[in-house]
Full PDB file with SEQRES, HELIX, SHEET, SSBOND, CRYST1, ORIGX, SCALE, CONECT and MASTER records, all heavy atoms in Angstrom:
SEQRES   1 A   33  LEU PRO PHE CYS GLY PRO ASN ARG ILE LYS HIS PHE PHE          
SEQRES   2 A   33  CYS ASP LEU PRO PRO LEU LEU ARG LEU ALA CYS ALA ASP          
SEQRES   3 A   33  ILE TYR LYS SER GLU VAL ILE                                  
HELIX    1 AA1 LEU A   16  LEU A   20  1                                   5    
HELIX    2 AA2 TYR A   28  VAL A   32  1                                   5    
SSBOND   1 CYS A    4    CYS A   24                          1555   1555  1.88  
CRYST1    1.000    1.000    1.000  90.00  90.00  90.00 P 1           1          
ORIGX1      1.000000  0.000000  0.000000        0.00000                         
ORIGX2      0.000000  1.000000  0.000000        0.00000                         
ORIGX3      0.000000  0.000000  1.000000        0.00000                         
SCALE1      1.000000  0.000000  0.000000        0.00000                         
SCALE2      0.000000  1.000000  0.000000        0.00000                         
SCALE3      0.000000  0.000000  1.000000        0.00000                         
ATOM      1  N   LEU A   1      16.339  -8.732 -29.132  1.00  0.00           N  
ATOM      2  CA  LEU A   1      15.166  -9.534 -28.605  1.00  0.00           C  
ATOM      3  C   LEU A   1      14.064  -9.371 -29.528  1.00  0.00           C  
ATOM      4  O   LEU A   1      13.951  -8.293 -30.343  1.00  0.00           O  
ATOM      5  CB  LEU A   1      14.763  -8.946 -27.207  1.00  0.00           C  
ATOM      6  CG  LEU A   1      15.611  -9.249 -25.980  1.00  0.00           C  
ATOM      7  CD1 LEU A   1      15.091  -8.504 -24.773  1.00  0.00           C  
ATOM      8  CD2 LEU A   1      15.575 -10.692 -25.713  1.00  0.00           C  
ATOM      9  N   PRO A   2      13.156 -10.337 -29.674  1.00  0.00           N  
ATOM     10  CA  PRO A   2      12.017 -10.239 -30.620  1.00  0.00           C  
ATOM     11  C   PRO A   2      10.949  -9.325 -30.026  1.00  0.00           C  
ATOM     12  O   PRO A   2      10.469  -9.469 -28.834  1.00  0.00           O  
ATOM     13  CB  PRO A   2      11.487 -11.674 -30.688  1.00  0.00           C  
ATOM     14  CG  PRO A   2      11.942 -12.337 -29.442  1.00  0.00           C  
ATOM     15  CD  PRO A   2      13.157 -11.691 -29.000  1.00  0.00           C  
ATOM     16  N   PHE A   3      10.569  -8.252 -30.819  1.00  0.00           N  
ATOM     17  CA  PHE A   3       9.421  -7.471 -30.456  1.00  0.00           C  
ATOM     18  C   PHE A   3       8.307  -7.635 -31.533  1.00  0.00           C  
ATOM     19  O   PHE A   3       8.503  -7.190 -32.657  1.00  0.00           O  
ATOM     20  CB  PHE A   3       9.881  -5.931 -30.415  1.00  0.00           C  
ATOM     21  CG  PHE A   3      10.834  -5.634 -29.309  1.00  0.00           C  
ATOM     22  CD1 PHE A   3      12.186  -5.674 -29.497  1.00  0.00           C  
ATOM     23  CD2 PHE A   3      10.324  -5.255 -28.062  1.00  0.00           C  
ATOM     24  CE1 PHE A   3      13.101  -5.366 -28.503  1.00  0.00           C  
ATOM     25  CE2 PHE A   3      11.245  -4.899 -26.989  1.00  0.00           C  
ATOM     26  CZ  PHE A   3      12.576  -4.985 -27.248  1.00  0.00           C  
ATOM     27  N   CYS A   4       7.243  -8.283 -31.157  1.00  0.00           N  
ATOM     28  CA  CYS A   4       6.357  -8.678 -32.153  1.00  0.00           C  
ATOM     29  C   CYS A   4       4.917  -8.222 -31.759  1.00  0.00           C  
ATOM     30  O   CYS A   4       3.901  -8.640 -32.305  1.00  0.00           O  
ATOM     31  CB  CYS A   4       6.284 -10.216 -32.239  1.00  0.00           C  
ATOM     32  SG  CYS A   4       6.267 -11.079 -30.815  1.00  0.00           S  
ATOM     33  N   GLY A   5       4.818  -7.237 -30.826  1.00  0.00           N  
ATOM     34  CA  GLY A   5       3.578  -6.688 -30.482  1.00  0.00           C  
ATOM     35  C   GLY A   5       3.150  -7.167 -29.044  1.00  0.00           C  
ATOM     36  O   GLY A   5       3.473  -8.309 -28.724  1.00  0.00           O  
ATOM     37  N   PRO A   6       2.572  -6.254 -28.234  1.00  0.00           N  
ATOM     38  CA  PRO A   6       2.199  -4.876 -28.501  1.00  0.00           C  
ATOM     39  C   PRO A   6       3.496  -3.991 -28.587  1.00  0.00           C  
ATOM     40  O   PRO A   6       4.550  -4.367 -28.220  1.00  0.00           O  
ATOM     41  CB  PRO A   6       1.322  -4.531 -27.277  1.00  0.00           C  
ATOM     42  CG  PRO A   6       1.930  -5.317 -26.157  1.00  0.00           C  
ATOM     43  CD  PRO A   6       2.193  -6.693 -26.849  1.00  0.00           C  
ATOM     44  N   ASN A   7       3.203  -2.808 -29.203  1.00  0.00           N  
ATOM     45  CA  ASN A   7       4.383  -1.943 -29.427  1.00  0.00           C  
ATOM     46  C   ASN A   7       4.184  -0.583 -28.705  1.00  0.00           C  
ATOM     47  O   ASN A   7       4.850   0.401 -28.985  1.00  0.00           O  
ATOM     48  CB  ASN A   7       4.582  -1.665 -30.901  1.00  0.00           C  
ATOM     49  CG  ASN A   7       3.390  -0.905 -31.514  1.00  0.00           C  
ATOM     50  OD1 ASN A   7       2.231  -0.907 -31.014  1.00  0.00           O  
ATOM     51  ND2 ASN A   7       3.640  -0.183 -32.637  1.00  0.00           N  
ATOM     52  N   ARG A   8       3.336  -0.505 -27.730  1.00  0.00           N  
ATOM     53  CA  ARG A   8       3.053   0.773 -26.979  1.00  0.00           C  
ATOM     54  C   ARG A   8       3.931   0.802 -25.704  1.00  0.00           C  
ATOM     55  O   ARG A   8       3.888  -0.118 -24.852  1.00  0.00           O  
ATOM     56  CB  ARG A   8       1.577   0.905 -26.624  1.00  0.00           C  
ATOM     57  CG  ARG A   8       0.613   0.807 -27.851  1.00  0.00           C  
ATOM     58  CD  ARG A   8      -0.787   1.044 -27.401  1.00  0.00           C  
ATOM     59  NE  ARG A   8      -1.039   2.418 -26.920  1.00  0.00           N  
ATOM     60  CZ  ARG A   8      -1.284   3.459 -27.681  1.00  0.00           C  
ATOM     61  NH1 ARG A   8      -1.385   3.264 -29.024  1.00  0.00           N  
ATOM     62  NH2 ARG A   8      -1.500   4.625 -27.235  1.00  0.00           N  
ATOM     63  N   ILE A   9       4.835   1.737 -25.688  1.00  0.00           N  
ATOM     64  CA  ILE A   9       5.724   1.961 -24.591  1.00  0.00           C  
ATOM     65  C   ILE A   9       5.032   2.812 -23.511  1.00  0.00           C  
ATOM     66  O   ILE A   9       4.659   3.984 -23.766  1.00  0.00           O  
ATOM     67  CB  ILE A   9       7.056   2.633 -24.931  1.00  0.00           C  
ATOM     68  CG1 ILE A   9       7.800   1.862 -26.070  1.00  0.00           C  
ATOM     69  CG2 ILE A   9       7.965   2.991 -23.805  1.00  0.00           C  
ATOM     70  CD1 ILE A   9       9.013   2.492 -26.551  1.00  0.00           C  
ATOM     71  N   LYS A  10       4.852   2.222 -22.314  1.00  0.00           N  
ATOM     72  CA  LYS A  10       4.171   2.980 -21.276  1.00  0.00           C  
ATOM     73  C   LYS A  10       5.217   3.814 -20.499  1.00  0.00           C  
ATOM     74  O   LYS A  10       5.477   3.681 -19.321  1.00  0.00           O  
ATOM     75  CB  LYS A  10       3.534   2.018 -20.308  1.00  0.00           C  
ATOM     76  CG  LYS A  10       2.394   1.155 -21.001  1.00  0.00           C  
ATOM     77  CD  LYS A  10       1.739   0.262 -19.962  1.00  0.00           C  
ATOM     78  CE  LYS A  10       0.673  -0.531 -20.631  1.00  0.00           C  
ATOM     79  NZ  LYS A  10      -0.054  -1.471 -19.759  1.00  0.00           N  
ATOM     80  N   HIS A  11       5.738   4.800 -21.254  1.00  0.00           N  
ATOM     81  CA  HIS A  11       6.739   5.734 -20.817  1.00  0.00           C  
ATOM     82  C   HIS A  11       6.969   6.914 -21.737  1.00  0.00           C  
ATOM     83  O   HIS A  11       6.315   6.748 -22.813  1.00  0.00           O  
ATOM     84  CB  HIS A  11       8.106   4.907 -20.583  1.00  0.00           C  
ATOM     85  CG  HIS A  11       9.057   5.452 -19.553  1.00  0.00           C  
ATOM     86  ND1 HIS A  11       8.614   6.084 -18.425  1.00  0.00           N  
ATOM     87  CD2 HIS A  11      10.399   5.454 -19.516  1.00  0.00           C  
ATOM     88  CE1 HIS A  11       9.641   6.426 -17.711  1.00  0.00           C  
ATOM     89  NE2 HIS A  11      10.749   5.996 -18.322  1.00  0.00           N  
ATOM     90  N   PHE A  12       7.761   7.812 -21.438  1.00  0.00           N  
ATOM     91  CA  PHE A  12       7.910   8.993 -22.297  1.00  0.00           C  
ATOM     92  C   PHE A  12       9.212   8.946 -23.014  1.00  0.00           C  
ATOM     93  O   PHE A  12       9.474   9.912 -23.843  1.00  0.00           O  
ATOM     94  CB  PHE A  12       7.650  10.338 -21.635  1.00  0.00           C  
ATOM     95  CG  PHE A  12       8.646  10.497 -20.392  1.00  0.00           C  
ATOM     96  CD1 PHE A  12       9.937  11.066 -20.628  1.00  0.00           C  
ATOM     97  CD2 PHE A  12       8.211  10.304 -19.122  1.00  0.00           C  
ATOM     98  CE1 PHE A  12      10.692  11.278 -19.434  1.00  0.00           C  
ATOM     99  CE2 PHE A  12       8.990  10.505 -18.045  1.00  0.00           C  
ATOM    100  CZ  PHE A  12      10.273  11.032 -18.227  1.00  0.00           C  
ATOM    101  N   PHE A  13      10.010   7.878 -22.852  1.00  0.00           N  
ATOM    102  CA  PHE A  13      11.175   7.640 -23.674  1.00  0.00           C  
ATOM    103  C   PHE A  13      11.554   6.221 -23.648  1.00  0.00           C  
ATOM    104  O   PHE A  13      11.002   5.417 -22.885  1.00  0.00           O  
ATOM    105  CB  PHE A  13      12.445   8.563 -23.220  1.00  0.00           C  
ATOM    106  CG  PHE A  13      13.025   8.244 -21.878  1.00  0.00           C  
ATOM    107  CD1 PHE A  13      14.165   7.393 -21.835  1.00  0.00           C  
ATOM    108  CD2 PHE A  13      12.434   8.620 -20.763  1.00  0.00           C  
ATOM    109  CE1 PHE A  13      14.793   7.124 -20.708  1.00  0.00           C  
ATOM    110  CE2 PHE A  13      12.957   8.318 -19.505  1.00  0.00           C  
ATOM    111  CZ  PHE A  13      14.197   7.588 -19.509  1.00  0.00           C  
ATOM    112  N   CYS A  14      12.485   5.862 -24.554  1.00  0.00           N  
ATOM    113  CA  CYS A  14      12.940   4.454 -24.703  1.00  0.00           C  
ATOM    114  C   CYS A  14      13.874   4.103 -23.519  1.00  0.00           C  
ATOM    115  O   CYS A  14      15.111   4.372 -23.635  1.00  0.00           O  
ATOM    116  CB  CYS A  14      13.569   4.193 -25.946  1.00  0.00           C  
ATOM    117  SG  CYS A  14      12.446   4.376 -27.365  1.00  0.00           S  
ATOM    118  N   ASP A  15      13.331   3.484 -22.509  1.00  0.00           N  
ATOM    119  CA  ASP A  15      14.151   3.142 -21.347  1.00  0.00           C  
ATOM    120  C   ASP A  15      14.197   1.658 -21.105  1.00  0.00           C  
ATOM    121  O   ASP A  15      13.323   0.922 -21.662  1.00  0.00           O  
ATOM    122  CB  ASP A  15      13.647   3.868 -20.100  1.00  0.00           C  
ATOM    123  CG  ASP A  15      14.662   3.950 -18.920  1.00  0.00           C  
ATOM    124  OD1 ASP A  15      15.870   3.740 -19.191  1.00  0.00           O  
ATOM    125  OD2 ASP A  15      14.242   4.369 -17.841  1.00  0.00           O  
ATOM    126  N   LEU A  16      15.126   1.199 -20.290  1.00  0.00           N  
ATOM    127  CA  LEU A  16      15.306  -0.276 -20.159  1.00  0.00           C  
ATOM    128  C   LEU A  16      14.022  -0.996 -19.675  1.00  0.00           C  
ATOM    129  O   LEU A  16      13.548  -1.891 -20.364  1.00  0.00           O  
ATOM    130  CB  LEU A  16      16.461  -0.538 -19.139  1.00  0.00           C  
ATOM    131  CG  LEU A  16      17.844  -0.409 -19.610  1.00  0.00           C  
ATOM    132  CD1 LEU A  16      18.800  -0.481 -18.450  1.00  0.00           C  
ATOM    133  CD2 LEU A  16      18.185  -1.531 -20.562  1.00  0.00           C  
ATOM    134  N   PRO A  17      13.461  -0.660 -18.494  1.00  0.00           N  
ATOM    135  CA  PRO A  17      12.324  -1.479 -17.990  1.00  0.00           C  
ATOM    136  C   PRO A  17      11.138  -1.579 -18.900  1.00  0.00           C  
ATOM    137  O   PRO A  17      10.658  -2.668 -19.122  1.00  0.00           O  
ATOM    138  CB  PRO A  17      11.971  -0.757 -16.606  1.00  0.00           C  
ATOM    139  CG  PRO A  17      13.250  -0.069 -16.219  1.00  0.00           C  
ATOM    140  CD  PRO A  17      13.859   0.354 -17.525  1.00  0.00           C  
ATOM    141  N   PRO A  18      10.628  -0.452 -19.421  1.00  0.00           N  
ATOM    142  CA  PRO A  18       9.414  -0.533 -20.271  1.00  0.00           C  
ATOM    143  C   PRO A  18       9.701  -1.277 -21.653  1.00  0.00           C  
ATOM    144  O   PRO A  18       8.790  -1.968 -22.130  1.00  0.00           O  
ATOM    145  CB  PRO A  18       9.054   0.929 -20.566  1.00  0.00           C  
ATOM    146  CG  PRO A  18      10.219   1.721 -20.253  1.00  0.00           C  
ATOM    147  CD  PRO A  18      10.993   0.941 -19.198  1.00  0.00           C  
ATOM    148  N   LEU A  19      10.913  -1.300 -22.198  1.00  0.00           N  
ATOM    149  CA  LEU A  19      11.261  -1.911 -23.379  1.00  0.00           C  
ATOM    150  C   LEU A  19      11.331  -3.422 -23.141  1.00  0.00           C  
ATOM    151  O   LEU A  19      10.863  -4.237 -23.897  1.00  0.00           O  
ATOM    152  CB  LEU A  19      12.542  -1.423 -23.952  1.00  0.00           C  
ATOM    153  CG  LEU A  19      12.476  -0.136 -24.748  1.00  0.00           C  
ATOM    154  CD1 LEU A  19      13.829   0.349 -25.041  1.00  0.00           C  
ATOM    155  CD2 LEU A  19      11.698  -0.335 -26.019  1.00  0.00           C  
ATOM    156  N   LEU A  20      11.932  -3.883 -21.954  1.00  0.00           N  
ATOM    157  CA  LEU A  20      12.026  -5.279 -21.667  1.00  0.00           C  
ATOM    158  C   LEU A  20      10.661  -5.873 -21.489  1.00  0.00           C  
ATOM    159  O   LEU A  20      10.414  -6.986 -21.882  1.00  0.00           O  
ATOM    160  CB  LEU A  20      12.827  -5.434 -20.349  1.00  0.00           C  
ATOM    161  CG  LEU A  20      14.357  -5.359 -20.527  1.00  0.00           C  
ATOM    162  CD1 LEU A  20      14.947  -5.348 -19.133  1.00  0.00           C  
ATOM    163  CD2 LEU A  20      14.895  -6.528 -21.325  1.00  0.00           C  
ATOM    164  N   ARG A  21       9.672  -5.114 -20.968  1.00  0.00           N  
ATOM    165  CA  ARG A  21       8.321  -5.597 -20.829  1.00  0.00           C  
ATOM    166  C   ARG A  21       7.586  -5.886 -22.164  1.00  0.00           C  
ATOM    167  O   ARG A  21       6.628  -6.571 -22.194  1.00  0.00           O  
ATOM    168  CB  ARG A  21       7.531  -4.664 -19.997  1.00  0.00           C  
ATOM    169  CG  ARG A  21       7.876  -4.651 -18.509  1.00  0.00           C  
ATOM    170  CD  ARG A  21       6.882  -3.968 -17.637  1.00  0.00           C  
ATOM    171  NE  ARG A  21       6.965  -2.566 -17.646  1.00  0.00           N  
ATOM    172  CZ  ARG A  21       7.665  -1.804 -16.800  1.00  0.00           C  
ATOM    173  NH1 ARG A  21       8.319  -2.322 -15.786  1.00  0.00           N  
ATOM    174  NH2 ARG A  21       7.643  -0.453 -16.955  1.00  0.00           N  
ATOM    175  N   LEU A  22       8.137  -5.299 -23.214  1.00  0.00           N  
ATOM    176  CA  LEU A  22       7.454  -5.447 -24.575  1.00  0.00           C  
ATOM    177  C   LEU A  22       7.953  -6.595 -25.350  1.00  0.00           C  
ATOM    178  O   LEU A  22       7.412  -7.114 -26.329  1.00  0.00           O  
ATOM    179  CB  LEU A  22       7.604  -4.223 -25.373  1.00  0.00           C  
ATOM    180  CG  LEU A  22       6.835  -2.916 -24.904  1.00  0.00           C  
ATOM    181  CD1 LEU A  22       7.166  -1.783 -25.794  1.00  0.00           C  
ATOM    182  CD2 LEU A  22       5.401  -3.210 -24.761  1.00  0.00           C  
ATOM    183  N   ALA A  23       9.132  -7.198 -24.902  1.00  0.00           N  
ATOM    184  CA  ALA A  23       9.729  -8.339 -25.647  1.00  0.00           C  
ATOM    185  C   ALA A  23       8.872  -9.546 -25.539  1.00  0.00           C  
ATOM    186  O   ALA A  23       8.375  -9.884 -24.487  1.00  0.00           O  
ATOM    187  CB  ALA A  23      11.125  -8.648 -25.062  1.00  0.00           C  
ATOM    188  N   CYS A  24       8.687 -10.206 -26.693  1.00  0.00           N  
ATOM    189  CA  CYS A  24       7.800 -11.400 -26.713  1.00  0.00           C  
ATOM    190  C   CYS A  24       8.712 -12.650 -26.659  1.00  0.00           C  
ATOM    191  O   CYS A  24       8.739 -13.451 -27.623  1.00  0.00           O  
ATOM    192  CB  CYS A  24       6.889 -11.380 -27.973  1.00  0.00           C  
ATOM    193  SG  CYS A  24       7.645 -11.066 -29.537  1.00  0.00           S  
ATOM    194  N   ALA A  25       9.518 -12.727 -25.577  1.00  0.00           N  
ATOM    195  CA  ALA A  25      10.398 -13.891 -25.393  1.00  0.00           C  
ATOM    196  C   ALA A  25      10.751 -14.045 -23.962  1.00  0.00           C  
ATOM    197  O   ALA A  25      10.483 -13.056 -23.207  1.00  0.00           O  
ATOM    198  CB  ALA A  25      11.617 -13.730 -26.275  1.00  0.00           C  
ATOM    199  N   ASP A  26      11.295 -15.105 -23.530  1.00  0.00           N  
ATOM    200  CA  ASP A  26      11.774 -15.303 -22.193  1.00  0.00           C  
ATOM    201  C   ASP A  26      12.986 -14.263 -21.957  1.00  0.00           C  
ATOM    202  O   ASP A  26      14.077 -14.410 -22.622  1.00  0.00           O  
ATOM    203  CB  ASP A  26      12.169 -16.687 -21.983  1.00  0.00           C  
ATOM    204  CG  ASP A  26      12.658 -16.909 -20.391  1.00  0.00           C  
ATOM    205  OD1 ASP A  26      12.535 -15.923 -19.593  1.00  0.00           O  
ATOM    206  OD2 ASP A  26      13.052 -18.067 -20.179  1.00  0.00           O  
ATOM    207  N   ILE A  27      12.806 -13.336 -21.081  1.00  0.00           N  
ATOM    208  CA  ILE A  27      13.886 -12.318 -20.923  1.00  0.00           C  
ATOM    209  C   ILE A  27      14.661 -12.528 -19.718  1.00  0.00           C  
ATOM    210  O   ILE A  27      15.438 -11.635 -19.344  1.00  0.00           O  
ATOM    211  CB  ILE A  27      13.280 -10.936 -20.980  1.00  0.00           C  
ATOM    212  CG1 ILE A  27      12.281 -10.706 -19.767  1.00  0.00           C  
ATOM    213  CG2 ILE A  27      12.585 -10.591 -22.312  1.00  0.00           C  
ATOM    214  CD1 ILE A  27      11.794  -9.305 -19.536  1.00  0.00           C  
ATOM    215  N   TYR A  28      14.492 -13.608 -18.953  1.00  0.00           N  
ATOM    216  CA  TYR A  28      15.256 -13.801 -17.645  1.00  0.00           C  
ATOM    217  C   TYR A  28      16.720 -13.685 -17.782  1.00  0.00           C  
ATOM    218  O   TYR A  28      17.349 -12.813 -17.017  1.00  0.00           O  
ATOM    219  CB  TYR A  28      14.896 -15.170 -17.058  1.00  0.00           C  
ATOM    220  CG  TYR A  28      15.628 -15.407 -15.782  1.00  0.00           C  
ATOM    221  CD1 TYR A  28      15.267 -14.743 -14.612  1.00  0.00           C  
ATOM    222  CD2 TYR A  28      16.681 -16.324 -15.699  1.00  0.00           C  
ATOM    223  CE1 TYR A  28      15.939 -14.938 -13.409  1.00  0.00           C  
ATOM    224  CE2 TYR A  28      17.412 -16.445 -14.598  1.00  0.00           C  
ATOM    225  CZ  TYR A  28      17.068 -15.854 -13.413  1.00  0.00           C  
ATOM    226  OH  TYR A  28      17.746 -16.093 -12.267  1.00  0.00           O  
ATOM    227  N   LYS A  29      17.393 -14.368 -18.729  1.00  0.00           N  
ATOM    228  CA  LYS A  29      18.800 -14.319 -18.904  1.00  0.00           C  
ATOM    229  C   LYS A  29      19.215 -12.957 -19.285  1.00  0.00           C  
ATOM    230  O   LYS A  29      20.280 -12.388 -18.881  1.00  0.00           O  
ATOM    231  CB  LYS A  29      19.259 -15.332 -19.868  1.00  0.00           C  
ATOM    232  CG  LYS A  29      19.209 -16.833 -19.466  1.00  0.00           C  
ATOM    233  CD  LYS A  29      19.666 -17.828 -20.454  1.00  0.00           C  
ATOM    234  CE  LYS A  29      19.566 -19.179 -19.942  1.00  0.00           C  
ATOM    235  NZ  LYS A  29      20.010 -20.248 -20.970  1.00  0.00           N  
ATOM    236  N   SER A  30      18.419 -12.318 -20.274  1.00  0.00           N  
ATOM    237  CA  SER A  30      18.806 -10.880 -20.711  1.00  0.00           C  
ATOM    238  C   SER A  30      18.721  -9.956 -19.530  1.00  0.00           C  
ATOM    239  O   SER A  30      19.587  -9.096 -19.476  1.00  0.00           O  
ATOM    240  CB  SER A  30      17.782 -10.615 -21.854  1.00  0.00           C  
ATOM    241  OG  SER A  30      17.885 -11.456 -22.939  1.00  0.00           O  
ATOM    242  N   GLU A  31      17.672 -10.147 -18.685  1.00  0.00           N  
ATOM    243  CA  GLU A  31      17.563  -9.162 -17.603  1.00  0.00           C  
ATOM    244  C   GLU A  31      18.752  -9.330 -16.661  1.00  0.00           C  
ATOM    245  O   GLU A  31      19.268  -8.304 -16.114  1.00  0.00           O  
ATOM    246  CB  GLU A  31      16.227  -9.528 -16.794  1.00  0.00           C  
ATOM    247  CG  GLU A  31      14.998  -8.797 -17.380  1.00  0.00           C  
ATOM    248  CD  GLU A  31      13.864  -8.942 -16.440  1.00  0.00           C  
ATOM    249  OE1 GLU A  31      13.579 -10.125 -16.030  1.00  0.00           O  
ATOM    250  OE2 GLU A  31      13.245  -7.904 -16.032  1.00  0.00           O  
ATOM    251  N   VAL A  32      19.222 -10.594 -16.373  1.00  0.00           N  
ATOM    252  CA  VAL A  32      20.285 -10.819 -15.445  1.00  0.00           C  
ATOM    253  C   VAL A  32      21.550 -10.201 -15.961  1.00  0.00           C  
ATOM    254  O   VAL A  32      22.251  -9.367 -15.219  1.00  0.00           O  
ATOM    255  CB  VAL A  32      20.535 -12.308 -15.345  1.00  0.00           C  
ATOM    256  CG1 VAL A  32      21.864 -12.576 -14.505  1.00  0.00           C  
ATOM    257  CG2 VAL A  32      19.372 -12.988 -14.511  1.00  0.00           C  
ATOM    258  N   ILE A  33      21.900 -10.243 -17.339  1.00  0.00           N  
ATOM    259  CA  ILE A  33      23.028  -9.706 -17.839  1.00  0.00           C  
ATOM    260  C   ILE A  33      23.037  -8.177 -17.801  1.00  0.00           C  
ATOM    261  O   ILE A  33      23.879  -7.404 -17.423  1.00  0.00           O  
ATOM    262  CB  ILE A  33      23.270 -10.153 -19.288  1.00  0.00           C  
ATOM    263  CG1 ILE A  33      23.522 -11.670 -19.302  1.00  0.00           C  
ATOM    264  CG2 ILE A  33      24.449  -9.433 -19.973  1.00  0.00           C  
ATOM    265  CD1 ILE A  33      23.492 -12.297 -20.747  1.00  0.00           C  
TER     266      ILE A  33                                                      
CONECT   32  193                                                                
CONECT  193   32                                                                
MASTER        0    0    0    2    0    0    0    6  265    1    2    3          
END                                                                             
């Protein structure tokens, strides 16, 4: 997925939900899969 900013993860490790929220694209299909 494209990550083009912001790059601040509101969490203490790289986990699914906070990373998906940072993607700068439509993530609906990705979320479903």
